């Protein structure tokens, strides 16, 4: 199962209306509308940090 990053609908990867690779990760879409919405502004919907950010390796002093 995959989650459409735009509408959050659960879909079977084989049944996806569209798919696209962004920042090394594959995204699957329930419809062409969600696919177009994602490709217009992928950073808004992608679950990867924007290019140039430092991942999640900083700490705030939590123990």
Foldseek 3Di string as FASTA:
>chain_A
DAAALQPRDDDDQVQFQDWDDDPNDIHGHNHVVSVVVCVVPVCVRDPDHPPPDDGPPDDDPDD
